[in-house]
Each structure stands twice: as structure tokens, then as C-alpha cells.
Amino acid sequence: MLLLITAITVHNIPEGLAVGVAFSGKQFEPARNLAIAIGLQNFPEGLAVSLPLVASGMNKWKAFWYGQLSGMVEPLAGVIGALAISLFEPLLPWALAFAAGAMIHVVVRELVPENSWSHIIGFTIMMAMDVGLG
């Protein structure tokens, strides 16, 4: 149970960072839309924390409180994200490139070996078309 609560709470930190980074930009509407989308998907995350706790015998209000606490890291991470962008904006392209490289590494290391060559060829064609057609 503690692992679930911790996993969802830690998962909320990058979401808060993303909202903070978005609001530190020059366009308000995309940042607002991102905040609304992340806020809406936080409802099932709060339930994913609270419902197992209730099922294990915890008081409903205490379980509700734990669900709320799991999301409280997002506003804090949002402030940190906004401050980080204002301080480290020149490093942003490098940080994004590092994140993209990490994701590509995980895909190649974990997902590609499990798929057949037809999937890999299809993915390569799709990526080439995406890059070529913009």
C-alpha cells in the first residue's frame, strides 16, 4: 500500500514541474490547458490512492486526506519548475535533449527487443514521415 502511495506521489512531481515550466513561458492558453488536463487526470489518481486504503479498513476521511496529500506535491513542484526555468533557461534545450535521449534509450533497450522486425520497420517509416513532412 505504501508503495502505491509513494509511486503516485513521486509521479506527481514531474507533472507539477511541467505545469510550472508551462506557466513560465510566454503563452498563457497552452499552460492553462495543460494545467486543466493534469488537474482532471488527478481525480482518478487520488481515487487510486484512497480506494485501496478504504478497502483495507482505513477511515474514509483519512483515506481521502492521503489522496489529497499525494497531489499536494504538484503545486510545490510547479513553483520549483517556474523558478528553475527563470534561472536555467539557457540550459533548457540541453535538458530536453537529455530527456529525449533517455526516453529513446528506454524504448530501444526495453521495448524494441520485444517487438518483431515488422514493427521496427513500421516505426522507422512513421518517424521518417513525421520528420520529413513536419
N, C-alpha and C. Protein backbone atom coordinates (compact mmCIF):
# COMPACT_ATOMS: atom_id res chain seq x y z
N MET A 1 0.82 -1.19 0.00
CA MET A 1 0.00 0.00 0.00
C MET A 1 0.87 1.26 0.00
N LEU A 2 1.91 1.24 0.82
CA LEU A 2 2.80 2.39 0.89
C LEU A 2 3.51 2.61 -0.44
N LEU A 3 3.83 1.53 -1.14
CA LEU A 3 4.48 1.65 -2.45
C LEU A 3 3.57 2.38 -3.44
N LEU A 4 2.27 2.05 -3.44
CA LEU A 4 1.32 2.71 -4.33
C LEU A 4 1.24 4.20 -4.04
N ILE A 5 1.11 4.55 -2.78
CA ILE A 5 1.01 5.97 -2.41
C ILE A 5 2.29 6.70 -2.80
N THR A 6 3.42 6.10 -2.52
CA THR A 6 4.70 6.73 -2.85
C THR A 6 4.86 6.87 -4.36
N ALA A 7 4.49 5.84 -5.10
CA ALA A 7 4.64 5.89 -6.56
C ALA A 7 3.78 7.00 -7.16
N ILE A 8 2.56 7.12 -6.73
CA ILE A 8 1.68 8.16 -7.28
C ILE A 8 2.15 9.54 -6.85
N THR A 9 2.61 9.66 -5.62
CA THR A 9 3.11 10.95 -5.15
C THR A 9 4.35 11.37 -5.93
N VAL A 10 5.29 10.46 -6.11
CA VAL A 10 6.50 10.78 -6.88
C VAL A 10 6.15 11.07 -8.33
N HIS A 11 5.15 10.35 -8.87
CA HIS A 11 4.70 10.57 -10.24
C HIS A 11 4.15 11.98 -10.41
N ASN A 12 3.60 12.56 -9.35
CA ASN A 12 3.01 13.90 -9.45
C ASN A 12 4.07 15.01 -9.50
N ILE A 13 5.28 14.73 -9.09
CA ILE A 13 6.32 15.77 -9.10
C ILE A 13 6.62 16.26 -10.51
N PRO A 14 6.89 15.37 -11.50
CA PRO A 14 7.15 15.90 -12.84
C PRO A 14 5.93 16.56 -13.47
N GLU A 15 4.73 16.13 -13.07
CA GLU A 15 3.54 16.81 -13.59
C GLU A 15 3.50 18.26 -13.10
N GLY A 16 3.80 18.46 -11.83
CA GLY A 16 3.86 19.82 -11.30
C GLY A 16 4.96 20.64 -11.96
N LEU A 17 6.12 20.01 -12.16
CA LEU A 17 7.20 20.70 -12.85
C LEU A 17 6.77 21.13 -14.25
N ALA A 18 6.06 20.25 -14.95
CA ALA A 18 5.61 20.57 -16.31
C ALA A 18 4.67 21.77 -16.31
N VAL A 19 3.77 21.83 -15.35
CA VAL A 19 2.84 22.96 -15.28
C VAL A 19 3.60 24.25 -14.96
N GLY A 20 4.54 24.16 -14.03
CA GLY A 20 5.33 25.35 -13.69
C GLY A 20 6.13 25.85 -14.87
N VAL A 21 6.74 24.93 -15.60
CA VAL A 21 7.51 25.31 -16.78
C VAL A 21 6.59 25.93 -17.83
N ALA A 22 5.41 25.34 -18.00
CA ALA A 22 4.48 25.87 -18.99
C ALA A 22 4.03 27.28 -18.65
N PHE A 23 3.76 27.54 -17.37
CA PHE A 23 3.31 28.88 -16.98
C PHE A 23 4.45 29.90 -16.99
N SER A 24 5.68 29.46 -17.00
CA SER A 24 6.78 30.42 -17.06
C SER A 24 7.05 30.87 -18.50
N GLY A 25 6.36 30.25 -19.46
CA GLY A 25 6.53 30.62 -20.85
C GLY A 25 5.76 31.87 -21.21
N LYS A 26 5.73 32.16 -22.48
CA LYS A 26 5.10 33.39 -22.95
C LYS A 26 3.64 33.23 -23.34
N GLN A 27 3.16 32.01 -23.45
CA GLN A 27 1.78 31.78 -23.87
C GLN A 27 0.97 31.21 -22.70
N PHE A 28 -0.12 31.90 -22.38
CA PHE A 28 -0.94 31.51 -21.23
C PHE A 28 -1.86 30.34 -21.55
N GLU A 29 -2.52 30.37 -22.72
CA GLU A 29 -3.54 29.36 -23.01
C GLU A 29 -3.01 27.93 -23.02
N PRO A 30 -1.88 27.64 -23.69
CA PRO A 30 -1.39 26.25 -23.61
C PRO A 30 -1.05 25.83 -22.18
N ALA A 31 -0.53 26.74 -21.38
CA ALA A 31 -0.21 26.42 -19.99
C ALA A 31 -1.48 26.14 -19.21
N ARG A 32 -2.50 26.96 -19.44
CA ARG A 32 -3.78 26.73 -18.76
C ARG A 32 -4.38 25.39 -19.16
N ASN A 33 -4.33 25.07 -20.46
CA ASN A 33 -4.87 23.80 -20.92
C ASN A 33 -4.13 22.61 -20.31
N LEU A 34 -2.81 22.73 -20.21
CA LEU A 34 -2.03 21.67 -19.58
C LEU A 34 -2.40 21.52 -18.12
N ALA A 35 -2.55 22.63 -17.42
CA ALA A 35 -2.92 22.57 -16.00
C ALA A 35 -4.30 21.95 -15.82
N ILE A 36 -5.24 22.28 -16.69
CA ILE A 36 -6.58 21.69 -16.59
C ILE A 36 -6.52 20.19 -16.87
N ALA A 37 -5.79 19.80 -17.90
CA ALA A 37 -5.69 18.38 -18.25
C ALA A 37 -5.05 17.58 -17.12
N ILE A 38 -3.98 18.09 -16.56
CA ILE A 38 -3.32 17.37 -15.46
C ILE A 38 -4.22 17.38 -14.23
N GLY A 39 -4.90 18.48 -13.99
CA GLY A 39 -5.83 18.53 -12.86
C GLY A 39 -6.95 17.51 -12.99
N LEU A 40 -7.48 17.36 -14.19
CA LEU A 40 -8.57 16.39 -14.40
C LEU A 40 -8.09 14.95 -14.20
N GLN A 41 -6.89 14.65 -14.66
CA GLN A 41 -6.41 13.29 -14.50
C GLN A 41 -5.94 13.01 -13.08
N ASN A 42 -5.87 14.05 -12.25
CA ASN A 42 -5.53 13.83 -10.85
C ASN A 42 -6.68 13.23 -10.05
N PHE A 43 -7.91 13.39 -10.52
CA PHE A 43 -9.05 12.78 -9.81
C PHE A 43 -8.91 11.26 -9.73
N PRO A 44 -8.69 10.57 -10.85
CA PRO A 44 -8.51 9.12 -10.72
C PRO A 44 -7.26 8.73 -9.94
N GLU A 45 -6.23 9.56 -9.99
CA GLU A 45 -5.03 9.26 -9.20
C GLU A 45 -5.33 9.34 -7.71
N GLY A 46 -6.09 10.35 -7.32
CA GLY A 46 -6.49 10.45 -5.91
C GLY A 46 -7.33 9.26 -5.49
N LEU A 47 -8.22 8.83 -6.38
CA LEU A 47 -9.01 7.63 -6.09
C LEU A 47 -8.14 6.39 -6.00
N ALA A 48 -7.10 6.33 -6.85
CA ALA A 48 -6.19 5.18 -6.82
C ALA A 48 -5.43 5.10 -5.50
N VAL A 49 -5.28 6.23 -4.84
CA VAL A 49 -4.67 6.22 -3.52
C VAL A 49 -5.71 5.91 -2.45
N SER A 50 -6.86 6.57 -2.53
CA SER A 50 -7.85 6.50 -1.45
C SER A 50 -8.61 5.18 -1.40
N LEU A 51 -9.05 4.68 -2.53
CA LEU A 51 -9.91 3.49 -2.52
C LEU A 51 -9.24 2.24 -1.95
N PRO A 52 -7.98 1.95 -2.30
CA PRO A 52 -7.35 0.79 -1.66
C PRO A 52 -7.20 0.96 -0.15
N LEU A 53 -7.00 2.20 0.29
CA LEU A 53 -6.89 2.43 1.73
C LEU A 53 -8.22 2.16 2.43
N VAL A 54 -9.31 2.60 1.82
CA VAL A 54 -10.64 2.32 2.39
C VAL A 54 -10.91 0.82 2.38
N ALA A 55 -10.54 0.16 1.29
CA ALA A 55 -10.76 -1.28 1.19
C ALA A 55 -9.96 -2.05 2.24
N SER A 56 -8.82 -1.49 2.67
CA SER A 56 -8.03 -2.17 3.69
C SER A 56 -8.49 -1.83 5.10
N GLY A 57 -9.55 -1.02 5.22
CA GLY A 57 -10.13 -0.75 6.54
C GLY A 57 -9.86 0.62 7.10
N MET A 58 -9.20 1.49 6.35
CA MET A 58 -8.92 2.83 6.86
C MET A 58 -10.19 3.68 6.84
N ASN A 59 -10.27 4.62 7.73
CA ASN A 59 -11.37 5.58 7.79
C ASN A 59 -11.46 6.33 6.45
N LYS A 60 -12.68 6.58 5.97
CA LYS A 60 -12.87 7.21 4.66
C LYS A 60 -12.23 8.59 4.59
N TRP A 61 -12.37 9.38 5.66
CA TRP A 61 -11.83 10.73 5.64
C TRP A 61 -10.31 10.73 5.68
N LYS A 62 -9.75 9.79 6.43
CA LYS A 62 -8.29 9.68 6.48
C LYS A 62 -7.75 9.23 5.12
N ALA A 63 -8.43 8.30 4.47
CA ALA A 63 -8.03 7.85 3.13
C ALA A 63 -8.16 9.00 2.12
N PHE A 64 -9.23 9.77 2.25
CA PHE A 64 -9.41 10.95 1.40
C PHE A 64 -8.25 11.93 1.58
N TRP A 65 -7.84 12.12 2.83
CA TRP A 65 -6.74 13.03 3.13
C TRP A 65 -5.44 12.55 2.49
N TYR A 66 -5.18 11.25 2.56
CA TYR A 66 -3.99 10.70 1.92
C TYR A 66 -4.04 10.91 0.40
N GLY A 67 -5.22 10.76 -0.18
CA GLY A 67 -5.37 11.02 -1.61
C GLY A 67 -5.06 12.47 -1.96
N GLN A 68 -5.51 13.38 -1.09
CA GLN A 68 -5.22 14.79 -1.31
C GLN A 68 -3.73 15.09 -1.14
N LEU A 69 -3.13 14.50 -0.12
CA LEU A 69 -1.71 14.74 0.13
C LEU A 69 -0.84 14.25 -1.03
N SER A 70 -1.26 13.18 -1.68
CA SER A 70 -0.46 12.67 -2.80
C SER A 70 -0.39 13.68 -3.94
N GLY A 71 -1.38 14.55 -4.05
CA GLY A 71 -1.38 15.56 -5.10
C GLY A 71 -0.80 16.90 -4.67
N MET A 72 -0.54 17.08 -3.37
CA MET A 72 -0.04 18.36 -2.87
C MET A 72 1.38 18.67 -3.34
N VAL A 73 2.08 17.66 -3.83
CA VAL A 73 3.44 17.93 -4.31
C VAL A 73 3.42 18.68 -5.64
N GLU A 74 2.31 18.63 -6.36
CA GLU A 74 2.25 19.27 -7.67
C GLU A 74 2.39 20.78 -7.60
N PRO A 75 1.64 21.48 -6.76
CA PRO A 75 1.85 22.95 -6.72
C PRO A 75 3.26 23.32 -6.28
N LEU A 76 3.81 22.57 -5.33
CA LEU A 76 5.18 22.85 -4.89
C LEU A 76 6.17 22.64 -6.04
N ALA A 77 6.00 21.53 -6.76
CA ALA A 77 6.87 21.26 -7.91
C ALA A 77 6.64 22.30 -9.01
N GLY A 78 5.42 22.80 -9.14
CA GLY A 78 5.14 23.83 -10.13
C GLY A 78 5.91 25.11 -9.86
N VAL A 79 5.96 25.51 -8.60
CA VAL A 79 6.73 26.70 -8.24
C VAL A 79 8.22 26.46 -8.50
N ILE A 80 8.69 25.28 -8.15
CA ILE A 80 10.10 24.94 -8.40
C ILE A 80 10.38 24.96 -9.91
N GLY A 81 9.46 24.41 -10.71
CA GLY A 81 9.64 24.39 -12.16
C GLY A 81 9.70 25.79 -12.75
N ALA A 82 8.80 26.68 -12.29
CA ALA A 82 8.80 28.04 -12.79
C ALA A 82 10.09 28.77 -12.41
N LEU A 83 10.54 28.56 -11.17
CA LEU A 83 11.79 29.20 -10.74
C LEU A 83 12.98 28.64 -11.50
N ALA A 84 12.98 27.34 -11.71
CA ALA A 84 14.10 26.71 -12.42
C ALA A 84 14.21 27.24 -13.85
N ILE A 85 13.08 27.43 -14.50
CA ILE A 85 13.11 27.94 -15.88
C ILE A 85 13.64 29.37 -15.89
N SER A 86 13.23 30.17 -14.92
CA SER A 86 13.72 31.55 -14.91
C SER A 86 15.22 31.60 -14.65
N LEU A 87 15.75 30.63 -13.90
CA LEU A 87 17.18 30.62 -13.60
C LEU A 87 18.02 29.91 -14.66
N PHE A 88 17.47 28.84 -15.23
CA PHE A 88 18.27 27.97 -16.09
C PHE A 88 17.74 27.90 -17.52
N GLU A 89 17.10 28.94 -18.00
CA GLU A 89 16.53 28.92 -19.35
C GLU A 89 17.55 28.59 -20.44
N PRO A 90 18.80 29.07 -20.34
CA PRO A 90 19.76 28.71 -21.39
C PRO A 90 20.06 27.21 -21.46
N LEU A 91 19.86 26.49 -20.35
CA LEU A 91 20.13 25.06 -20.33
C LEU A 91 18.95 24.21 -20.80
N LEU A 92 17.80 24.84 -21.03
CA LEU A 92 16.59 24.10 -21.37
C LEU A 92 16.75 23.21 -22.61
N PRO A 93 17.32 23.69 -23.73
CA PRO A 93 17.46 22.79 -24.88
C PRO A 93 18.31 21.56 -24.56
N TRP A 94 19.35 21.74 -23.76
CA TRP A 94 20.20 20.61 -23.40
C TRP A 94 19.45 19.63 -22.50
N ALA A 95 18.67 20.16 -21.57
CA ALA A 95 17.91 19.29 -20.67
C ALA A 95 16.85 18.51 -21.44
N LEU A 96 16.19 19.16 -22.38
CA LEU A 96 15.19 18.48 -23.19
C LEU A 96 15.83 17.41 -24.08
N ALA A 97 16.99 17.72 -24.61
CA ALA A 97 17.70 16.73 -25.43
C ALA A 97 18.10 15.52 -24.58
N PHE A 98 18.53 15.77 -23.35
CA PHE A 98 18.87 14.67 -22.45
C PHE A 98 17.64 13.82 -22.15
N ALA A 99 16.50 14.47 -21.88
CA ALA A 99 15.27 13.73 -21.59
C ALA A 99 14.84 12.90 -22.80
N ALA A 100 14.95 13.48 -24.00
CA ALA A 100 14.59 12.73 -25.21
C ALA A 100 15.52 11.54 -25.40
N GLY A 101 16.78 11.75 -25.17
CA GLY A 101 17.73 10.64 -25.29
C GLY A 101 17.45 9.53 -24.29
N ALA A 102 17.08 9.91 -23.07
CA ALA A 102 16.74 8.91 -22.06
C ALA A 102 15.52 8.10 -22.48
N MET A 103 14.52 8.78 -23.03
CA MET A 103 13.32 8.07 -23.48
C MET A 103 13.64 7.13 -24.64
N ILE A 104 14.44 7.60 -25.58
CA ILE A 104 14.82 6.75 -26.71
C ILE A 104 15.60 5.54 -26.22
N HIS A 105 16.48 5.76 -25.26
CA HIS A 105 17.26 4.64 -24.70
C HIS A 105 16.33 3.59 -24.09
N VAL A 106 15.33 4.03 -23.32
CA VAL A 106 14.41 3.09 -22.69
C VAL A 106 13.63 2.33 -23.76
N VAL A 107 13.17 3.02 -24.78
CA VAL A 107 12.41 2.36 -25.84
C VAL A 107 13.27 1.33 -26.55
N VAL A 108 14.49 1.72 -26.93
CA VAL A 108 15.36 0.80 -27.66
C VAL A 108 15.77 -0.37 -26.76
N ARG A 109 16.05 -0.09 -25.52
CA ARG A 109 16.55 -1.13 -24.61
C ARG A 109 15.45 -2.09 -24.15
N GLU A 110 14.25 -1.55 -23.88
CA GLU A 110 13.21 -2.35 -23.27
C GLU A 110 12.12 -2.80 -24.25
N LEU A 111 11.72 -1.93 -25.15
CA LEU A 111 10.56 -2.24 -25.99
C LEU A 111 10.93 -2.86 -27.32
N VAL A 112 11.99 -2.39 -27.95
CA VAL A 112 12.34 -2.88 -29.28
C VAL A 112 12.66 -4.38 -29.28
N PRO A 113 13.43 -4.90 -28.31
CA PRO A 113 13.71 -6.34 -28.36
C PRO A 113 12.46 -7.22 -28.26
N GLU A 114 11.38 -6.70 -27.71
CA GLU A 114 10.17 -7.49 -27.57
C GLU A 114 9.30 -7.47 -28.82
N ASN A 115 9.59 -6.61 -29.77
CA ASN A 115 8.77 -6.48 -30.97
C ASN A 115 9.46 -7.15 -32.15
N SER A 116 8.65 -7.43 -33.14
CA SER A 116 9.19 -8.06 -34.34
C SER A 116 9.79 -6.99 -35.25
N TRP A 117 10.56 -7.43 -36.24
CA TRP A 117 11.19 -6.50 -37.18
C TRP A 117 10.16 -5.70 -37.95
N SER A 118 8.98 -6.28 -38.21
CA SER A 118 7.95 -5.52 -38.94
C SER A 118 7.51 -4.29 -38.14
N HIS A 119 7.44 -4.43 -36.83
CA HIS A 119 7.10 -3.27 -36.01
C HIS A 119 8.20 -2.21 -36.05
N ILE A 120 9.43 -2.66 -36.02
CA ILE A 120 10.56 -1.73 -36.04
C ILE A 120 10.63 -0.99 -37.37
N ILE A 121 10.42 -1.71 -38.47
CA ILE A 121 10.43 -1.08 -39.79
C ILE A 121 9.27 -0.09 -39.91
N GLY A 122 8.10 -0.49 -39.43
CA GLY A 122 6.95 0.41 -39.46
C GLY A 122 7.19 1.66 -38.64
N PHE A 123 7.79 1.49 -37.47
CA PHE A 123 8.11 2.64 -36.63
C PHE A 123 9.10 3.56 -37.33
N THR A 124 10.11 2.99 -37.98
CA THR A 124 11.12 3.78 -38.67
C THR A 124 10.50 4.58 -39.82
N ILE A 125 9.62 3.93 -40.56
CA ILE A 125 8.94 4.64 -41.66
C ILE A 125 8.07 5.77 -41.11
N MET A 126 7.36 5.50 -40.03
CA MET A 126 6.50 6.52 -39.43
C MET A 126 7.33 7.71 -38.95
N MET A 127 8.47 7.44 -38.32
CA MET A 127 9.32 8.53 -37.84
C MET A 127 9.91 9.33 -38.99
N ALA A 128 10.33 8.63 -40.05
CA ALA A 128 10.86 9.33 -41.22
C ALA A 128 9.80 10.23 -41.85
N MET A 129 8.56 9.73 -41.93
CA MET A 129 7.48 10.56 -42.47
C MET A 129 7.18 11.74 -41.56
N ASP A 130 7.24 11.52 -40.25
CA ASP A 130 6.98 12.59 -39.31
C ASP A 130 8.02 13.71 -39.44
N VAL A 131 9.28 13.31 -39.54
CA VAL A 131 10.35 14.30 -39.68
C VAL A 131 10.28 14.96 -41.06
N GLY A 132 10.06 14.15 -42.10
CA GLY A 132 10.04 14.67 -43.46
C GLY A 132 8.87 15.59 -43.76
N LEU A 133 7.71 15.27 -43.21
CA LEU A 133 6.52 16.06 -43.51
C LEU A 133 6.26 17.15 -42.49
N GLY A 134 7.03 17.16 -41.45
CA GLY A 134 6.90 18.21 -40.44
C GLY A 134 5.84 17.90 -39.49
